[in-house]
Amino acid sequence: MNVINKVETWGDKHHPAILDILRILLGIFLFLKGLTFMQNINYLRWIIEDQQVINLSPVFLKAVMYYVIFVHMTGGVLIALGLLTRLSSLLQLPIVISALFVINIFKSEPNNDLWLSIFACALLIIFAVIGSGPLSLNNLLTSKDENNAAQ
C-alpha cells in the first residue's frame, strides 16, 4: 500500500491544468462510444465476432458486450467528472488495449480508429497514474472533507 500512496501523492503534485481538459474530453468520448455501442449492439457483436481471433460462447460474448457498454458509459462519466478516475481508467484499459491490438492492428485494411485508440490508451495510462487533478469532483470533495476535519 505504501507504493500506491506514493504514486497517488506524486500524481496529485504533478498535474498540469491542460490534463484536466483532456480528462474531461476523454470521459465524454468514452461515454459517447458506450452510448453508440448500446444503441447499435449488433455492430458491437459484429466487431467482436468478425475478428476470428477468439471463439467465444454466446453467453460469454454477451457478457463481454455488456461489460464494454457499462464500463464505457459509467467510466466515461466518472472520468469526465473526475471521480474515481484511477479506478475507472484501470477498468477501461483492457477494453481499449484489446481494441487497439485485436481490432485495429490485426485488421488487414487500414483503420482510421488506430490513432484514436492509441491516444485514448495513452491518456488512460496517464490518468491511472496521476489521477483526476485539481478540476474534479474528487478534489472538491476532498477539500471539503479536510475543511470539515480542521474545524
N, C-alpha and C. Protein backbone atom coordinates (compact mmCIF):
# COMPACT_ATOMS: atom_id res chain seq x y z
N MET A 1 0.82 -1.20 0.00
CA MET A 1 0.00 0.00 0.00
C MET A 1 0.86 1.26 0.00
N ASN A 2 2.06 1.18 0.53
CA ASN A 2 2.93 2.34 0.59
C ASN A 2 3.28 2.84 -0.81
N VAL A 3 3.51 1.91 -1.74
CA VAL A 3 3.83 2.30 -3.12
C VAL A 3 2.64 2.99 -3.77
N ILE A 4 1.45 2.48 -3.53
CA ILE A 4 0.25 3.09 -4.10
C ILE A 4 0.07 4.50 -3.55
N ASN A 5 0.29 4.70 -2.26
CA ASN A 5 0.17 6.03 -1.68
C ASN A 5 1.21 6.98 -2.24
N LYS A 6 2.43 6.49 -2.49
CA LYS A 6 3.48 7.34 -3.07
C LYS A 6 3.11 7.75 -4.49
N VAL A 7 2.60 6.81 -5.29
CA VAL A 7 2.18 7.12 -6.67
C VAL A 7 1.04 8.13 -6.64
N GLU A 8 0.09 7.94 -5.73
CA GLU A 8 -1.04 8.84 -5.61
C GLU A 8 -0.60 10.25 -5.22
N THR A 9 0.31 10.36 -4.28
CA THR A 9 0.83 11.65 -3.85
C THR A 9 1.60 12.33 -4.97
N TRP A 10 2.43 11.56 -5.67
CA TRP A 10 3.20 12.13 -6.78
C TRP A 10 2.26 12.62 -7.88
N GLY A 11 1.23 11.84 -8.19
CA GLY A 11 0.28 12.22 -9.22
C GLY A 11 -0.51 13.47 -8.86
N ASP A 12 -0.81 13.65 -7.58
CA ASP A 12 -1.55 14.83 -7.15
C ASP A 12 -0.69 16.09 -7.24
N LYS A 13 0.62 15.96 -7.05
CA LYS A 13 1.52 17.12 -7.09
C LYS A 13 1.92 17.50 -8.50
N HIS A 14 1.95 16.57 -9.43
CA HIS A 14 2.42 16.81 -10.79
C HIS A 14 1.26 16.68 -11.77
N HIS A 15 0.43 17.70 -11.80
CA HIS A 15 -0.76 17.62 -12.65
C HIS A 15 -0.99 18.96 -13.35
N PRO A 16 -0.57 19.09 -14.61
CA PRO A 16 -0.84 20.34 -15.34
C PRO A 16 -2.34 20.50 -15.61
N ALA A 17 -2.78 21.75 -15.71
CA ALA A 17 -4.21 22.03 -15.89
C ALA A 17 -4.74 21.54 -17.23
N ILE A 18 -3.90 21.49 -18.26
CA ILE A 18 -4.36 21.04 -19.57
C ILE A 18 -4.82 19.58 -19.52
N LEU A 19 -4.26 18.81 -18.59
CA LEU A 19 -4.67 17.42 -18.46
C LEU A 19 -6.11 17.29 -17.96
N ASP A 20 -6.58 18.29 -17.21
CA ASP A 20 -7.98 18.25 -16.78
C ASP A 20 -8.91 18.36 -17.97
N ILE A 21 -8.56 19.21 -18.92
CA ILE A 21 -9.38 19.36 -20.13
C ILE A 21 -9.35 18.06 -20.94
N LEU A 22 -8.16 17.48 -21.07
CA LEU A 22 -8.04 16.20 -21.79
C LEU A 22 -8.82 15.10 -21.08
N ARG A 23 -8.81 15.10 -19.75
CA ARG A 23 -9.55 14.10 -18.98
C ARG A 23 -11.04 14.23 -19.22
N ILE A 24 -11.54 15.45 -19.23
CA ILE A 24 -12.97 15.68 -19.46
C ILE A 24 -13.35 15.24 -20.88
N LEU A 25 -12.53 15.60 -21.85
CA LEU A 25 -12.82 15.21 -23.24
C LEU A 25 -12.75 13.70 -23.42
N LEU A 26 -11.77 13.05 -22.78
CA LEU A 26 -11.67 11.60 -22.85
C LEU A 26 -12.90 10.94 -22.24
N GLY A 27 -13.36 11.44 -21.10
CA GLY A 27 -14.55 10.89 -20.45
C GLY A 27 -15.79 11.03 -21.32
N ILE A 28 -15.93 12.18 -21.96
CA ILE A 28 -17.08 12.39 -22.85
C ILE A 28 -16.98 11.45 -24.05
N PHE A 29 -15.78 11.32 -24.62
CA PHE A 29 -15.59 10.42 -25.75
C PHE A 29 -15.95 8.98 -25.38
N LEU A 30 -15.47 8.50 -24.23
CA LEU A 30 -15.75 7.13 -23.81
C LEU A 30 -17.24 6.92 -23.55
N PHE A 31 -17.89 7.92 -22.94
CA PHE A 31 -19.33 7.81 -22.71
C PHE A 31 -20.08 7.72 -24.03
N LEU A 32 -19.72 8.58 -24.98
CA LEU A 32 -20.40 8.57 -26.27
C LEU A 32 -20.13 7.27 -27.03
N LYS A 33 -18.93 6.72 -26.89
CA LYS A 33 -18.62 5.44 -27.52
C LYS A 33 -19.49 4.34 -26.92
N GLY A 34 -19.65 4.33 -25.60
CA GLY A 34 -20.52 3.36 -24.95
C GLY A 34 -21.98 3.53 -25.35
N LEU A 35 -22.41 4.78 -25.48
CA LEU A 35 -23.78 5.06 -25.90
C LEU A 35 -24.01 4.57 -27.34
N THR A 36 -23.02 4.77 -28.20
CA THR A 36 -23.12 4.29 -29.58
C THR A 36 -23.21 2.77 -29.62
N PHE A 37 -22.39 2.11 -28.80
CA PHE A 37 -22.44 0.65 -28.76
C PHE A 37 -23.79 0.17 -28.21
N MET A 38 -24.34 0.88 -27.24
CA MET A 38 -25.62 0.47 -26.67
C MET A 38 -26.75 0.64 -27.70
N GLN A 39 -26.71 1.72 -28.46
CA GLN A 39 -27.75 1.95 -29.46
C GLN A 39 -27.65 0.99 -30.63
N ASN A 40 -26.44 0.50 -30.90
CA ASN A 40 -26.25 -0.42 -32.02
C ASN A 40 -25.45 -1.63 -31.53
N ILE A 41 -26.09 -2.44 -30.71
CA ILE A 41 -25.41 -3.57 -30.09
C ILE A 41 -25.03 -4.64 -31.12
N ASN A 42 -25.76 -4.70 -32.22
CA ASN A 42 -25.41 -5.67 -33.26
C ASN A 42 -24.08 -5.32 -33.91
N TYR A 43 -23.77 -4.02 -34.02
CA TYR A 43 -22.49 -3.60 -34.55
C TYR A 43 -21.35 -4.03 -33.63
N LEU A 44 -21.56 -3.89 -32.31
CA LEU A 44 -20.55 -4.32 -31.34
C LEU A 44 -20.36 -5.83 -31.42
N ARG A 45 -21.45 -6.57 -31.55
CA ARG A 45 -21.36 -8.03 -31.69
C ARG A 45 -20.57 -8.38 -32.95
N TRP A 46 -20.85 -7.68 -34.04
CA TRP A 46 -20.13 -7.94 -35.29
C TRP A 46 -18.65 -7.63 -35.16
N ILE A 47 -18.30 -6.53 -34.48
CA ILE A 47 -16.89 -6.17 -34.29
C ILE A 47 -16.16 -7.29 -33.56
N ILE A 48 -16.76 -7.81 -32.51
CA ILE A 48 -16.11 -8.85 -31.71
C ILE A 48 -16.06 -10.17 -32.47
N GLU A 49 -17.15 -10.56 -33.11
CA GLU A 49 -17.18 -11.84 -33.81
C GLU A 49 -16.36 -11.83 -35.09
N ASP A 50 -16.22 -10.67 -35.73
CA ASP A 50 -15.52 -10.57 -37.00
C ASP A 50 -14.02 -10.82 -36.88
N GLN A 51 -13.47 -10.69 -35.71
CA GLN A 51 -12.02 -10.81 -35.55
C GLN A 51 -11.52 -12.23 -35.76
N GLN A 52 -12.31 -13.21 -35.41
CA GLN A 52 -11.98 -14.62 -35.56
C GLN A 52 -10.65 -14.97 -34.87
N VAL A 53 -10.29 -14.20 -33.85
CA VAL A 53 -9.10 -14.48 -33.07
C VAL A 53 -9.46 -15.41 -31.92
N ILE A 54 -10.63 -15.17 -31.34
CA ILE A 54 -11.09 -15.97 -30.22
C ILE A 54 -12.48 -16.49 -30.55
N ASN A 55 -12.74 -17.73 -30.15
CA ASN A 55 -14.07 -18.29 -30.34
C ASN A 55 -14.80 -18.20 -29.01
N LEU A 56 -15.77 -17.28 -28.92
CA LEU A 56 -16.49 -17.05 -27.67
C LEU A 56 -17.85 -17.73 -27.71
N SER A 57 -18.24 -18.27 -26.56
CA SER A 57 -19.59 -18.81 -26.45
C SER A 57 -20.58 -17.64 -26.46
N PRO A 58 -21.83 -17.89 -26.85
CA PRO A 58 -22.81 -16.80 -26.90
C PRO A 58 -23.02 -16.09 -25.56
N VAL A 59 -22.96 -16.85 -24.47
CA VAL A 59 -23.15 -16.25 -23.15
C VAL A 59 -21.97 -15.35 -22.80
N PHE A 60 -20.75 -15.83 -23.06
CA PHE A 60 -19.57 -15.03 -22.76
C PHE A 60 -19.49 -13.81 -23.68
N LEU A 61 -19.90 -13.96 -24.93
CA LEU A 61 -19.92 -12.84 -25.86
C LEU A 61 -20.87 -11.76 -25.37
N LYS A 62 -22.04 -12.15 -24.90
CA LYS A 62 -23.00 -11.18 -24.38
C LYS A 62 -22.46 -10.51 -23.12
N ALA A 63 -21.78 -11.26 -22.26
CA ALA A 63 -21.19 -10.66 -21.06
C ALA A 63 -20.11 -9.65 -21.44
N VAL A 64 -19.29 -9.96 -22.43
CA VAL A 64 -18.25 -9.02 -22.88
C VAL A 64 -18.88 -7.76 -23.45
N MET A 65 -19.94 -7.93 -24.23
CA MET A 65 -20.60 -6.76 -24.83
C MET A 65 -21.18 -5.85 -23.74
N TYR A 66 -21.84 -6.42 -22.74
CA TYR A 66 -22.42 -5.61 -21.68
C TYR A 66 -21.33 -4.99 -20.80
N TYR A 67 -20.23 -5.68 -20.61
CA TYR A 67 -19.10 -5.11 -19.86
C TYR A 67 -18.55 -3.89 -20.59
N VAL A 68 -18.36 -4.01 -21.89
CA VAL A 68 -17.83 -2.90 -22.68
C VAL A 68 -18.76 -1.70 -22.60
N ILE A 69 -20.04 -1.92 -22.77
CA ILE A 69 -21.02 -0.82 -22.74
C ILE A 69 -21.06 -0.19 -21.35
N PHE A 70 -21.16 -1.01 -20.31
CA PHE A 70 -21.27 -0.50 -18.95
C PHE A 70 -20.03 0.28 -18.54
N VAL A 71 -18.86 -0.29 -18.80
CA VAL A 71 -17.62 0.37 -18.38
C VAL A 71 -17.38 1.65 -19.18
N HIS A 72 -17.68 1.64 -20.47
CA HIS A 72 -17.52 2.86 -21.26
C HIS A 72 -18.46 3.97 -20.76
N MET A 73 -19.69 3.63 -20.49
CA MET A 73 -20.64 4.67 -20.10
C MET A 73 -20.39 5.17 -18.67
N THR A 74 -20.33 4.27 -17.71
CA THR A 74 -20.12 4.72 -16.33
C THR A 74 -18.71 5.24 -16.13
N GLY A 75 -17.73 4.54 -16.68
CA GLY A 75 -16.35 5.00 -16.55
C GLY A 75 -16.12 6.33 -17.24
N GLY A 76 -16.76 6.52 -18.39
CA GLY A 76 -16.63 7.80 -19.09
C GLY A 76 -17.19 8.96 -18.28
N VAL A 77 -18.34 8.75 -17.66
CA VAL A 77 -18.93 9.80 -16.82
C VAL A 77 -18.03 10.07 -15.61
N LEU A 78 -17.55 9.01 -14.96
CA LEU A 78 -16.69 9.20 -13.79
C LEU A 78 -15.37 9.88 -14.15
N ILE A 79 -14.80 9.53 -15.28
CA ILE A 79 -13.56 10.18 -15.71
C ILE A 79 -13.81 11.65 -16.04
N ALA A 80 -14.90 11.95 -16.72
CA ALA A 80 -15.21 13.34 -17.07
C ALA A 80 -15.45 14.18 -15.82
N LEU A 81 -16.12 13.61 -14.82
CA LEU A 81 -16.39 14.34 -13.58
C LEU A 81 -15.17 14.37 -12.66
N GLY A 82 -14.22 13.48 -12.87
CA GLY A 82 -13.05 13.43 -12.01
C GLY A 82 -13.33 12.73 -10.69
N LEU A 83 -14.12 11.71 -10.74
CA LEU A 83 -14.48 10.94 -9.55
C LEU A 83 -14.08 9.49 -9.79
N LEU A 84 -13.27 8.91 -8.91
CA LEU A 84 -12.74 7.55 -9.07
C LEU A 84 -12.02 7.40 -10.42
N THR A 85 -11.23 8.40 -10.77
CA THR A 85 -10.58 8.43 -12.08
C THR A 85 -9.60 7.30 -12.26
N ARG A 86 -8.80 7.01 -11.24
CA ARG A 86 -7.80 5.94 -11.37
C ARG A 86 -8.48 4.59 -11.59
N LEU A 87 -9.49 4.29 -10.80
CA LEU A 87 -10.20 3.02 -10.94
C LEU A 87 -10.91 2.93 -12.29
N SER A 88 -11.56 4.00 -12.69
CA SER A 88 -12.25 4.00 -13.98
C SER A 88 -11.28 3.81 -15.13
N SER A 89 -10.12 4.44 -15.04
CA SER A 89 -9.11 4.30 -16.09
C SER A 89 -8.59 2.87 -16.15
N LEU A 90 -8.37 2.28 -14.99
CA LEU A 90 -7.88 0.89 -14.96
C LEU A 90 -8.91 -0.08 -15.53
N LEU A 91 -10.19 0.17 -15.29
CA LEU A 91 -11.24 -0.70 -15.83
C LEU A 91 -11.40 -0.51 -17.34
N GLN A 92 -11.08 0.68 -17.86
CA GLN A 92 -11.17 0.95 -19.29
C GLN A 92 -10.00 0.35 -20.06
N LEU A 93 -8.84 0.22 -19.42
CA LEU A 93 -7.63 -0.20 -20.13
C LEU A 93 -7.76 -1.55 -20.85
N PRO A 94 -8.32 -2.61 -20.25
CA PRO A 94 -8.43 -3.87 -21.01
C PRO A 94 -9.26 -3.73 -22.29
N ILE A 95 -10.29 -2.91 -22.24
CA ILE A 95 -11.13 -2.73 -23.42
C ILE A 95 -10.37 -1.99 -24.51
N VAL A 96 -9.71 -0.91 -24.13
CA VAL A 96 -9.01 -0.09 -25.13
C VAL A 96 -7.79 -0.83 -25.68
N ILE A 97 -7.08 -1.56 -24.83
CA ILE A 97 -5.92 -2.31 -25.31
C ILE A 97 -6.36 -3.42 -26.25
N SER A 98 -7.45 -4.11 -25.92
CA SER A 98 -7.92 -5.15 -26.83
C SER A 98 -8.44 -4.54 -28.12
N ALA A 99 -9.07 -3.38 -28.05
CA ALA A 99 -9.50 -2.71 -29.28
C ALA A 99 -8.29 -2.28 -30.10
N LEU A 100 -7.25 -1.87 -29.42
CA LEU A 100 -6.04 -1.43 -30.11
C LEU A 100 -5.38 -2.58 -30.86
N PHE A 101 -5.20 -3.70 -30.19
CA PHE A 101 -4.49 -4.81 -30.83
C PHE A 101 -5.39 -5.68 -31.69
N VAL A 102 -6.47 -6.15 -31.12
CA VAL A 102 -7.30 -7.13 -31.83
C VAL A 102 -8.05 -6.50 -33.00
N ILE A 103 -8.60 -5.32 -32.80
CA ILE A 103 -9.44 -4.73 -33.82
C ILE A 103 -8.65 -3.83 -34.78
N ASN A 104 -7.76 -3.01 -34.26
CA ASN A 104 -7.11 -2.02 -35.12
C ASN A 104 -5.85 -2.54 -35.80
N ILE A 105 -5.00 -3.25 -35.11
CA ILE A 105 -3.72 -3.64 -35.69
C ILE A 105 -3.85 -4.90 -36.53
N PHE A 106 -4.62 -5.89 -36.09
CA PHE A 106 -4.69 -7.16 -36.80
C PHE A 106 -5.65 -7.14 -38.00
N LYS A 107 -6.36 -6.05 -38.20
CA LYS A 107 -7.22 -5.96 -39.38
C LYS A 107 -6.36 -5.74 -40.61
N SER A 108 -6.76 -6.29 -41.73
CA SER A 108 -5.95 -6.18 -42.94
C SER A 108 -6.10 -4.81 -43.61
N GLU A 109 -7.30 -4.23 -43.59
CA GLU A 109 -7.48 -2.94 -44.23
C GLU A 109 -7.06 -1.81 -43.27
N PRO A 110 -6.64 -0.68 -43.81
CA PRO A 110 -6.27 0.44 -42.94
C PRO A 110 -7.46 0.92 -42.11
N ASN A 111 -7.20 1.26 -40.88
CA ASN A 111 -8.26 1.63 -39.97
C ASN A 111 -7.97 3.02 -39.40
N ASN A 112 -8.91 3.93 -39.51
CA ASN A 112 -8.73 5.29 -39.01
C ASN A 112 -8.80 5.37 -37.49
N ASP A 113 -9.38 4.38 -36.85
CA ASP A 113 -9.51 4.42 -35.39
C ASP A 113 -8.24 4.05 -34.66
N LEU A 114 -7.19 3.66 -35.38
CA LEU A 114 -5.96 3.24 -34.73
C LEU A 114 -5.36 4.37 -33.89
N TRP A 115 -5.22 5.55 -34.47
CA TRP A 115 -4.61 6.66 -33.73
C TRP A 115 -5.49 7.11 -32.58
N LEU A 116 -6.78 7.06 -32.76
CA LEU A 116 -7.69 7.42 -31.68
C LEU A 116 -7.57 6.43 -30.52
N SER A 117 -7.43 5.15 -30.84
CA SER A 117 -7.25 4.13 -29.79
C SER A 117 -5.92 4.29 -29.08
N ILE A 118 -4.87 4.61 -29.83
CA ILE A 118 -3.55 4.82 -29.21
C ILE A 118 -3.60 6.02 -28.27
N PHE A 119 -4.22 7.11 -28.72
CA PHE A 119 -4.33 8.32 -27.90
C PHE A 119 -5.16 8.05 -26.64
N ALA A 120 -6.28 7.36 -26.78
CA ALA A 120 -7.13 7.04 -25.63
C ALA A 120 -6.40 6.13 -24.65
N CYS A 121 -5.66 5.15 -25.17
CA CYS A 121 -4.90 4.23 -24.31
C CYS A 121 -3.82 4.99 -23.53
N ALA A 122 -3.10 5.88 -24.21
CA ALA A 122 -2.06 6.66 -23.54
C ALA A 122 -2.66 7.55 -22.46
N LEU A 123 -3.78 8.19 -22.74
CA LEU A 123 -4.42 9.04 -21.74
C LEU A 123 -4.94 8.24 -20.56
N LEU A 124 -5.47 7.06 -20.82
CA LEU A 124 -5.96 6.22 -19.71
C LEU A 124 -4.81 5.79 -18.81
N ILE A 125 -3.67 5.47 -19.40
CA ILE A 125 -2.50 5.11 -18.58
C ILE A 125 -2.05 6.31 -17.75
N ILE A 126 -2.03 7.49 -18.36
CA ILE A 126 -1.63 8.70 -17.63
C ILE A 126 -2.58 8.97 -16.47
N PHE A 127 -3.88 8.88 -16.71
CA PHE A 127 -4.85 9.17 -15.65
C PHE A 127 -4.91 8.07 -14.60
N ALA A 128 -4.53 6.86 -14.96
CA ALA A 128 -4.44 5.79 -13.95
C ALA A 128 -3.31 6.08 -12.97
N VAL A 129 -2.29 6.80 -13.42
CA VAL A 129 -1.16 7.13 -12.55
C VAL A 129 -1.38 8.45 -11.81
N ILE A 130 -1.73 9.50 -12.55
CA ILE A 130 -1.77 10.83 -11.91
C ILE A 130 -3.11 11.18 -11.29
N GLY A 131 -4.15 10.49 -11.64
CA GLY A 131 -5.45 10.75 -11.02
C GLY A 131 -6.22 11.85 -11.71
N SER A 132 -7.15 12.46 -10.97
CA SER A 132 -8.11 13.36 -11.57
C SER A 132 -7.65 14.81 -11.66
N GLY A 133 -6.85 15.29 -10.75
CA GLY A 133 -6.35 16.66 -10.83
C GLY A 133 -7.19 17.65 -10.06
N PRO A 134 -6.79 18.94 -10.17
CA PRO A 134 -7.45 19.97 -9.36
C PRO A 134 -8.88 20.31 -9.80
N LEU A 135 -9.19 20.15 -11.08
CA LEU A 135 -10.53 20.48 -11.59
C LEU A 135 -11.36 19.20 -11.65
N SER A 136 -11.78 18.73 -10.46
CA SER A 136 -12.52 17.47 -10.40
C SER A 136 -13.40 17.43 -9.17
N LEU A 137 -14.38 16.55 -9.21
CA LEU A 137 -15.24 16.34 -8.03
C LEU A 137 -14.45 15.71 -6.89
N ASN A 138 -13.51 14.87 -7.22
CA ASN A 138 -12.70 14.24 -6.19
C ASN A 138 -11.93 15.29 -5.39
N ASN A 139 -11.34 16.25 -6.06
CA ASN A 139 -10.61 17.33 -5.39
C ASN A 139 -11.57 18.20 -4.59
N LEU A 140 -12.73 18.49 -5.14
CA LEU A 140 -13.72 19.30 -4.44
C LEU A 140 -14.21 18.60 -3.17
N LEU A 141 -14.51 17.32 -3.27
CA LEU A 141 -14.98 16.58 -2.10
C LEU A 141 -13.88 16.39 -1.06
N THR A 142 -12.65 16.18 -1.51
CA THR A 142 -11.54 16.02 -0.59
C THR A 142 -11.25 17.30 0.16
N SER A 143 -11.30 18.44 -0.53
CA SER A 143 -11.03 19.71 0.13
C SER A 143 -12.13 20.05 1.14
N LYS A 144 -13.39 19.69 0.86
CA LYS A 144 -14.47 19.91 1.83
C LYS A 144 -14.29 19.03 3.07
N ASP A 145 -13.86 17.77 2.85
CA ASP A 145 -13.61 16.88 3.97
C ASP A 145 -12.48 17.39 4.84
N GLU A 146 -11.42 17.93 4.23
CA GLU A 146 -10.30 18.46 5.00
C GLU A 146 -10.70 19.70 5.76
N ASN A 147 -11.56 20.55 5.17
CA ASN A 147 -12.04 21.75 5.88
C ASN A 147 -12.93 21.36 7.05
N ASN A 148 -13.77 20.36 6.89
CA ASN A 148 -14.64 19.91 7.99
C ASN A 148 -13.82 19.26 9.10
N ALA A 149 -12.76 18.54 8.75
CA ALA A 149 -11.91 17.90 9.77
C ALA A 149 -11.11 18.92 10.54
N ALA A 150 -10.72 20.02 9.89
CA ALA A 150 -9.93 21.05 10.56
C ALA A 150 -10.76 21.83 11.56
N GLN A 151 -12.08 21.90 11.35
CA GLN A 151 -12.94 22.66 12.26
C GLN A 151 -13.28 21.83 13.42
